[in-house]
């Protein structure tokens, strides 16, 4: 008669699972201590009550494509850039309306660069808050 062989029970890979859990624990301990918490005595400045005014040196673009700079209407991009000093041509802040079509915004930034502006920065709602 044939002998029945006992099946060797397979060991579960618990050591590998323990190693993974340990590495995750170490990772989260290190990642959690990279930034120090703020001192509870420190009170940060609140800007929620400030008026959402355009920065004084931003070119405001309305949904219909009108341009204003420091409250004065601008006829076109070339006239606006020609009225800037060399220092102000380095960076122009653009404050587009939410409803402004994207293709209009892209062509406006392209026109600003072609007129001699080195860098165009877009100001967003979060930056004003």
N, C-alpha and C. Protein backbone atom coordinates (compact mmCIF):
# COMPACT_ATOMS: atom_id res chain seq x y z
N UNK A 1 0.81 -1.16 0.00
CA UNK A 1 0.00 0.00 0.00
C UNK A 1 0.87 1.25 0.00
N UNK A 2 0.30 2.19 -0.58
CA UNK A 2 1.07 3.41 -0.72
C UNK A 2 0.93 4.27 0.52
N UNK A 3 1.98 4.83 0.91
CA UNK A 3 1.96 5.68 2.09
C UNK A 3 1.43 7.06 1.76
N UNK A 4 0.58 7.53 2.57
CA UNK A 4 0.08 8.89 2.37
C UNK A 4 1.09 9.88 2.91
N UNK A 5 1.39 10.79 2.05
CA UNK A 5 2.36 11.80 2.47
C UNK A 5 1.64 12.93 3.17
N UNK A 6 2.22 13.37 4.22
CA UNK A 6 1.67 14.52 4.91
C UNK A 6 2.01 15.78 4.12
N UNK A 7 1.02 16.57 3.97
CA UNK A 7 1.25 17.84 3.27
C UNK A 7 1.96 18.80 4.20
N UNK A 8 3.05 19.31 3.73
CA UNK A 8 3.78 20.31 4.52
C UNK A 8 3.03 21.63 4.44
N UNK A 9 2.62 22.12 5.57
CA UNK A 9 1.91 23.41 5.52
C UNK A 9 2.86 24.52 5.09
N UNK A 10 2.36 25.32 4.16
CA UNK A 10 3.17 26.45 3.69
C UNK A 10 3.15 27.55 4.73
N UNK A 11 4.31 28.10 4.98
CA UNK A 11 4.38 29.21 5.92
C UNK A 11 3.91 30.48 5.23
N UNK A 12 3.15 31.26 5.93
CA UNK A 12 2.70 32.53 5.38
C UNK A 12 3.84 33.52 5.42
N UNK A 13 3.91 34.38 4.45
CA UNK A 13 5.02 35.35 4.41
C UNK A 13 4.79 36.51 5.36
N UNK A 14 4.63 36.24 6.62
CA UNK A 14 4.36 37.31 7.59
C UNK A 14 5.57 38.19 7.81
N UNK A 15 6.74 37.64 7.66
CA UNK A 15 7.94 38.45 7.85
C UNK A 15 7.97 39.58 6.80
N UNK A 16 7.62 39.26 5.56
CA UNK A 16 7.61 40.28 4.52
C UNK A 16 6.56 41.36 4.82
N UNK A 17 5.41 40.95 5.28
CA UNK A 17 4.37 41.92 5.64
C UNK A 17 4.79 42.80 6.80
N UNK A 18 5.43 42.20 7.78
CA UNK A 18 5.92 42.98 8.93
C UNK A 18 6.96 43.99 8.47
N UNK A 19 7.84 43.60 7.56
CA UNK A 19 8.86 44.52 7.05
C UNK A 19 8.22 45.69 6.31
N UNK A 20 7.20 45.43 5.51
CA UNK A 20 6.53 46.50 4.77
C UNK A 20 5.84 47.46 5.72
N UNK A 21 5.14 46.92 6.72
CA UNK A 21 4.45 47.77 7.68
C UNK A 21 5.47 48.59 8.47
N UNK A 22 6.58 48.00 8.84
CA UNK A 22 7.60 48.72 9.58
C UNK A 22 8.19 49.86 8.74
N UNK A 23 8.46 49.59 7.47
CA UNK A 23 9.00 50.63 6.59
C UNK A 23 7.99 51.77 6.40
N UNK A 24 6.71 51.43 6.27
CA UNK A 24 5.69 52.47 6.16
C UNK A 24 5.62 53.30 7.43
N UNK A 25 5.74 52.65 8.58
CA UNK A 25 5.72 53.36 9.86
C UNK A 25 6.89 54.33 9.95
N UNK A 26 8.06 53.89 9.58
CA UNK A 26 9.25 54.75 9.62
C UNK A 26 9.08 55.91 8.63
N UNK A 27 8.56 55.62 7.44
CA UNK A 27 8.36 56.68 6.45
C UNK A 27 7.44 57.75 6.98
N UNK A 28 6.29 57.37 7.54
CA UNK A 28 5.35 58.37 8.02
C UNK A 28 5.86 59.11 9.26
N UNK A 29 6.68 58.46 10.05
CA UNK A 29 7.27 59.16 11.20
C UNK A 29 8.23 60.24 10.71
N UNK A 30 9.04 59.92 9.70
CA UNK A 30 9.99 60.89 9.17
C UNK A 30 9.25 62.00 8.42
N UNK A 31 8.29 61.64 7.59
CA UNK A 31 7.56 62.65 6.82
C UNK A 31 6.75 63.57 7.72
N UNK A 32 6.27 63.07 8.81
CA UNK A 32 5.47 63.89 9.72
C UNK A 32 6.29 64.87 10.52
N UNK A 33 7.58 64.64 10.64
CA UNK A 33 8.41 65.52 11.44
C UNK A 33 9.25 66.48 10.59
N UNK A 34 9.06 66.50 9.28
CA UNK A 34 9.85 67.40 8.44
C UNK A 34 9.51 68.86 8.69
N UNK A 35 8.25 69.16 8.91
CA UNK A 35 7.87 70.54 9.17
C UNK A 35 7.44 70.69 10.63
N UNK A 36 8.00 71.68 11.25
CA UNK A 36 7.68 71.92 12.65
C UNK A 36 6.31 72.58 12.76
N UNK A 37 5.51 72.20 13.74
CA UNK A 37 4.21 72.85 13.90
C UNK A 37 4.38 74.30 14.36
N UNK A 38 3.39 75.12 14.03
CA UNK A 38 3.43 76.51 14.46
C UNK A 38 3.25 76.61 15.96
N UNK A 39 3.87 77.62 16.52
CA UNK A 39 3.71 77.89 17.94
C UNK A 39 2.25 78.25 18.20
N UNK A 40 1.59 77.63 19.17
CA UNK A 40 0.18 77.93 19.42
C UNK A 40 -0.08 79.38 19.83
N UNK A 41 0.94 80.06 20.30
CA UNK A 41 0.78 81.46 20.70
C UNK A 41 0.71 82.37 19.47
N UNK A 42 1.30 81.92 18.36
CA UNK A 42 1.38 82.71 17.14
C UNK A 42 0.00 82.84 16.49
N UNK A 43 -0.40 84.05 16.18
CA UNK A 43 -1.66 84.32 15.49
C UNK A 43 -1.32 84.88 14.11
N UNK A 44 -1.72 84.18 13.06
CA UNK A 44 -1.41 84.61 11.70
C UNK A 44 -2.34 85.73 11.24
N UNK A 45 -1.89 86.49 10.28
CA UNK A 45 -2.66 87.59 9.73
C UNK A 45 -3.82 87.02 8.92
N UNK A 46 -5.01 87.59 9.08
CA UNK A 46 -6.17 87.17 8.30
C UNK A 46 -6.43 88.19 7.21
N UNK A 47 -6.61 87.70 5.99
CA UNK A 47 -6.86 88.59 4.87
C UNK A 47 -8.24 88.40 4.26
N UNK A 48 -9.10 87.67 4.93
CA UNK A 48 -10.43 87.39 4.38
C UNK A 48 -11.27 88.66 4.25
N UNK A 49 -11.04 89.65 5.09
CA UNK A 49 -11.85 90.86 5.07
C UNK A 49 -11.32 91.95 4.14
N UNK A 50 -10.19 91.69 3.48
CA UNK A 50 -9.63 92.69 2.58
C UNK A 50 -10.44 92.76 1.30
N UNK A 51 -10.48 93.93 0.70
CA UNK A 51 -11.16 94.08 -0.58
C UNK A 51 -10.32 93.42 -1.66
N UNK A 52 -10.98 92.80 -2.61
CA UNK A 52 -10.28 92.15 -3.71
C UNK A 52 -9.98 93.13 -4.81
N UNK A 53 -9.03 94.01 -4.59
CA UNK A 53 -8.65 95.00 -5.60
C UNK A 53 -7.49 94.46 -6.42
N UNK A 54 -7.43 94.92 -7.63
CA UNK A 54 -6.33 94.54 -8.50
C UNK A 54 -5.04 95.16 -7.98
N UNK A 55 -3.93 94.45 -8.09
CA UNK A 55 -2.66 95.06 -7.72
C UNK A 55 -2.43 96.30 -8.57
N UNK A 56 -1.76 97.31 -8.03
CA UNK A 56 -1.63 98.58 -8.75
C UNK A 56 -0.85 98.47 -10.05
N UNK A 57 -0.01 97.47 -10.19
CA UNK A 57 0.81 97.37 -11.39
C UNK A 57 0.38 96.20 -12.27
N UNK A 58 -0.92 95.87 -12.29
CA UNK A 58 -1.41 94.75 -13.09
C UNK A 58 -2.22 95.26 -14.27
N UNK A 59 -2.05 94.60 -15.38
CA UNK A 59 -2.84 94.87 -16.57
C UNK A 59 -4.12 94.04 -16.46
N UNK A 60 -5.25 94.71 -16.32
CA UNK A 60 -6.53 94.03 -16.12
C UNK A 60 -7.17 93.78 -17.48
N UNK A 61 -7.62 92.53 -17.68
CA UNK A 61 -8.25 92.14 -18.94
C UNK A 61 -9.68 91.73 -18.65
N UNK A 62 -10.63 92.40 -19.28
CA UNK A 62 -12.06 92.13 -19.08
C UNK A 62 -12.52 91.05 -20.05
N UNK A 63 -13.69 90.46 -19.81
CA UNK A 63 -14.16 89.37 -20.68
C UNK A 63 -14.33 89.77 -22.14
N UNK A 64 -14.60 91.05 -22.39
CA UNK A 64 -14.76 91.49 -23.77
C UNK A 64 -13.43 91.87 -24.42
N UNK A 65 -12.31 91.72 -23.69
CA UNK A 65 -10.99 92.00 -24.24
C UNK A 65 -10.46 93.39 -23.94
N UNK A 66 -11.25 94.23 -23.23
CA UNK A 66 -10.77 95.56 -22.86
C UNK A 66 -9.58 95.43 -21.91
N UNK A 67 -8.66 96.38 -22.01
CA UNK A 67 -7.47 96.39 -21.16
C UNK A 67 -7.45 97.68 -20.34
N UNK A 68 -7.15 97.55 -19.04
CA UNK A 68 -6.93 98.74 -18.21
C UNK A 68 -5.67 98.54 -17.39
N UNK A 69 -4.97 99.65 -17.18
CA UNK A 69 -3.74 99.63 -16.37
C UNK A 69 -3.80 100.81 -15.43
N UNK A 70 -3.78 100.53 -14.13
CA UNK A 70 -3.88 101.54 -13.08
C UNK A 70 -5.11 102.43 -13.31
N UNK A 71 -6.22 101.81 -13.71
CA UNK A 71 -7.47 102.52 -13.90
C UNK A 71 -7.65 103.18 -15.24
N UNK A 72 -6.60 103.28 -16.04
CA UNK A 72 -6.68 103.94 -17.34
C UNK A 72 -6.87 102.90 -18.44
N UNK A 73 -7.80 103.17 -19.33
CA UNK A 73 -8.05 102.25 -20.45
C UNK A 73 -6.87 102.25 -21.42
N UNK A 74 -6.51 101.08 -21.89
CA UNK A 74 -5.40 100.92 -22.84
C UNK A 74 -5.98 100.56 -24.20
N UNK A 75 -5.48 101.21 -25.25
CA UNK A 75 -6.04 100.96 -26.58
C UNK A 75 -5.62 99.59 -27.11
N UNK A 76 -4.36 99.24 -26.96
CA UNK A 76 -3.89 97.93 -27.39
C UNK A 76 -2.60 97.57 -26.66
N UNK A 77 -2.11 96.38 -26.91
CA UNK A 77 -0.93 95.88 -26.21
C UNK A 77 0.31 96.69 -26.55
N UNK A 78 0.48 97.04 -27.81
CA UNK A 78 1.68 97.78 -28.23
C UNK A 78 1.75 99.14 -27.54
N UNK A 79 0.62 99.83 -27.45
CA UNK A 79 0.60 101.14 -26.78
C UNK A 79 0.89 100.98 -25.29
N UNK A 80 0.37 99.92 -24.71
CA UNK A 80 0.62 99.68 -23.29
C UNK A 80 2.10 99.44 -23.04
N UNK A 81 2.72 98.58 -23.82
CA UNK A 81 4.14 98.25 -23.61
C UNK A 81 5.02 99.45 -23.90
N UNK A 82 4.68 100.24 -24.90
CA UNK A 82 5.48 101.44 -25.21
C UNK A 82 5.43 102.45 -24.09
N UNK A 83 4.37 102.46 -23.30
CA UNK A 83 4.26 103.39 -22.18
C UNK A 83 4.98 102.92 -20.93
N UNK A 84 5.52 101.71 -20.95
CA UNK A 84 6.23 101.18 -19.79
C UNK A 84 7.71 101.53 -19.83
N UNK A 85 8.31 101.63 -18.65
CA UNK A 85 9.75 101.83 -18.59
C UNK A 85 10.44 100.49 -18.86
N UNK A 86 11.73 100.54 -19.11
CA UNK A 86 12.49 99.30 -19.35
C UNK A 86 12.39 98.36 -18.16
N UNK A 87 12.41 98.92 -16.96
CA UNK A 87 12.33 98.10 -15.74
C UNK A 87 10.97 97.41 -15.64
N UNK A 88 9.91 98.15 -15.99
CA UNK A 88 8.56 97.58 -15.91
C UNK A 88 8.29 96.56 -17.00
N UNK A 89 9.06 96.59 -18.08
CA UNK A 89 8.89 95.62 -19.16
C UNK A 89 9.46 94.25 -18.79
N UNK A 90 10.22 94.19 -17.73
CA UNK A 90 10.80 92.90 -17.33
C UNK A 90 9.70 91.92 -16.93
N UNK A 91 8.75 92.37 -16.12
CA UNK A 91 7.65 91.51 -15.67
C UNK A 91 6.36 92.31 -15.75
N UNK A 92 5.37 91.75 -16.45
CA UNK A 92 4.04 92.35 -16.51
C UNK A 92 3.08 91.38 -15.84
N UNK A 93 2.34 91.89 -14.87
CA UNK A 93 1.33 91.08 -14.19
C UNK A 93 0.01 91.25 -14.92
N UNK A 94 -0.59 90.14 -15.26
CA UNK A 94 -1.83 90.13 -16.01
C UNK A 94 -2.94 89.63 -15.11
N UNK A 95 -4.02 90.38 -15.04
CA UNK A 95 -5.15 90.01 -14.19
C UNK A 95 -6.36 89.77 -15.08
N UNK A 96 -6.52 88.52 -15.58
CA UNK A 96 -7.62 88.25 -16.51
C UNK A 96 -8.92 87.95 -15.77
N UNK A 97 -10.03 88.31 -16.38
CA UNK A 97 -11.34 87.97 -15.85
C UNK A 97 -11.57 86.47 -16.03
N UNK A 98 -12.36 85.91 -15.15
CA UNK A 98 -12.66 84.48 -15.19
C UNK A 98 -13.34 84.08 -16.50
N UNK A 99 -14.14 84.98 -17.05
CA UNK A 99 -14.92 84.69 -18.25
C UNK A 99 -14.15 84.96 -19.55
N UNK A 100 -12.91 85.41 -19.45
CA UNK A 100 -12.11 85.68 -20.64
C UNK A 100 -11.80 84.37 -21.36
N UNK A 101 -12.08 84.27 -22.66
CA UNK A 101 -11.77 83.03 -23.39
C UNK A 101 -10.27 82.73 -23.37
N UNK A 102 -9.96 81.47 -23.28
CA UNK A 102 -8.56 81.05 -23.17
C UNK A 102 -7.75 81.45 -24.40
N UNK A 103 -8.34 81.34 -25.59
CA UNK A 103 -7.57 81.71 -26.79
C UNK A 103 -7.25 83.21 -26.81
N UNK A 104 -8.13 84.03 -26.23
CA UNK A 104 -7.84 85.46 -26.13
C UNK A 104 -6.69 85.71 -25.16
N UNK A 105 -6.68 84.99 -24.05
CA UNK A 105 -5.60 85.12 -23.07
C UNK A 105 -4.27 84.68 -23.66
N UNK A 106 -4.26 83.58 -24.38
CA UNK A 106 -3.03 83.09 -25.00
C UNK A 106 -2.51 84.08 -26.04
N UNK A 107 -3.40 84.60 -26.88
CA UNK A 107 -2.94 85.56 -27.89
C UNK A 107 -2.46 86.87 -27.25
N UNK A 108 -3.10 87.26 -26.13
CA UNK A 108 -2.67 88.47 -25.43
C UNK A 108 -1.27 88.29 -24.84
N UNK A 109 -1.00 87.16 -24.24
CA UNK A 109 0.34 86.93 -23.69
C UNK A 109 1.37 86.83 -24.81
N UNK A 110 0.98 86.25 -25.92
CA UNK A 110 1.88 86.17 -27.08
C UNK A 110 2.19 87.58 -27.60
N UNK A 111 1.18 88.43 -27.65
CA UNK A 111 1.38 89.82 -28.11
C UNK A 111 2.26 90.60 -27.15
N UNK A 112 2.08 90.37 -25.85
CA UNK A 112 2.93 91.04 -24.85
C UNK A 112 4.39 90.64 -25.03
N UNK A 113 4.63 89.36 -25.22
CA UNK A 113 6.02 88.89 -25.41
C UNK A 113 6.61 89.45 -26.70
N UNK A 114 5.81 89.49 -27.74
CA UNK A 114 6.29 90.03 -29.02
C UNK A 114 6.58 91.52 -28.93
N UNK A 115 5.88 92.23 -28.04
CA UNK A 115 6.07 93.67 -27.90
C UNK A 115 7.27 94.02 -27.02
N UNK A 116 7.91 93.02 -26.43
CA UNK A 116 9.12 93.28 -25.66
C UNK A 116 9.05 92.98 -24.18
N UNK A 117 7.95 92.40 -23.71
CA UNK A 117 7.85 92.03 -22.30
C UNK A 117 8.62 90.72 -22.10
N UNK A 118 9.50 90.70 -21.10
CA UNK A 118 10.33 89.52 -20.87
C UNK A 118 9.55 88.38 -20.22
N UNK A 119 8.68 88.73 -19.27
CA UNK A 119 7.97 87.70 -18.50
C UNK A 119 6.56 88.17 -18.21
N UNK A 120 5.57 87.29 -18.42
CA UNK A 120 4.17 87.60 -18.14
C UNK A 120 3.71 86.70 -17.00
N UNK A 121 3.21 87.33 -15.94
CA UNK A 121 2.71 86.57 -14.79
C UNK A 121 1.21 86.75 -14.70
N UNK A 122 0.48 85.65 -14.45
CA UNK A 122 -0.96 85.70 -14.29
C UNK A 122 -1.29 85.76 -12.82
N UNK A 123 -2.13 86.71 -12.44
CA UNK A 123 -2.60 86.81 -11.06
C UNK A 123 -3.96 86.12 -10.99
N UNK A 124 -4.16 85.32 -9.95
CA UNK A 124 -5.39 84.57 -9.81
C UNK A 124 -6.13 85.01 -8.55
N UNK A 125 -7.31 84.50 -8.39
CA UNK A 125 -8.13 84.88 -7.24
C UNK A 125 -7.47 84.48 -5.93
N UNK A 126 -6.89 83.31 -5.87
CA UNK A 126 -6.25 82.87 -4.64
C UNK A 126 -5.08 83.77 -4.25
N UNK A 127 -4.36 84.28 -5.24
CA UNK A 127 -3.24 85.17 -4.94
C UNK A 127 -3.72 86.47 -4.35
N UNK A 128 -4.95 86.88 -4.66
CA UNK A 128 -5.47 88.13 -4.13
C UNK A 128 -6.08 87.96 -2.75
N UNK A 129 -6.29 86.73 -2.30
CA UNK A 129 -6.93 86.51 -1.00
C UNK A 129 -5.92 86.48 0.12
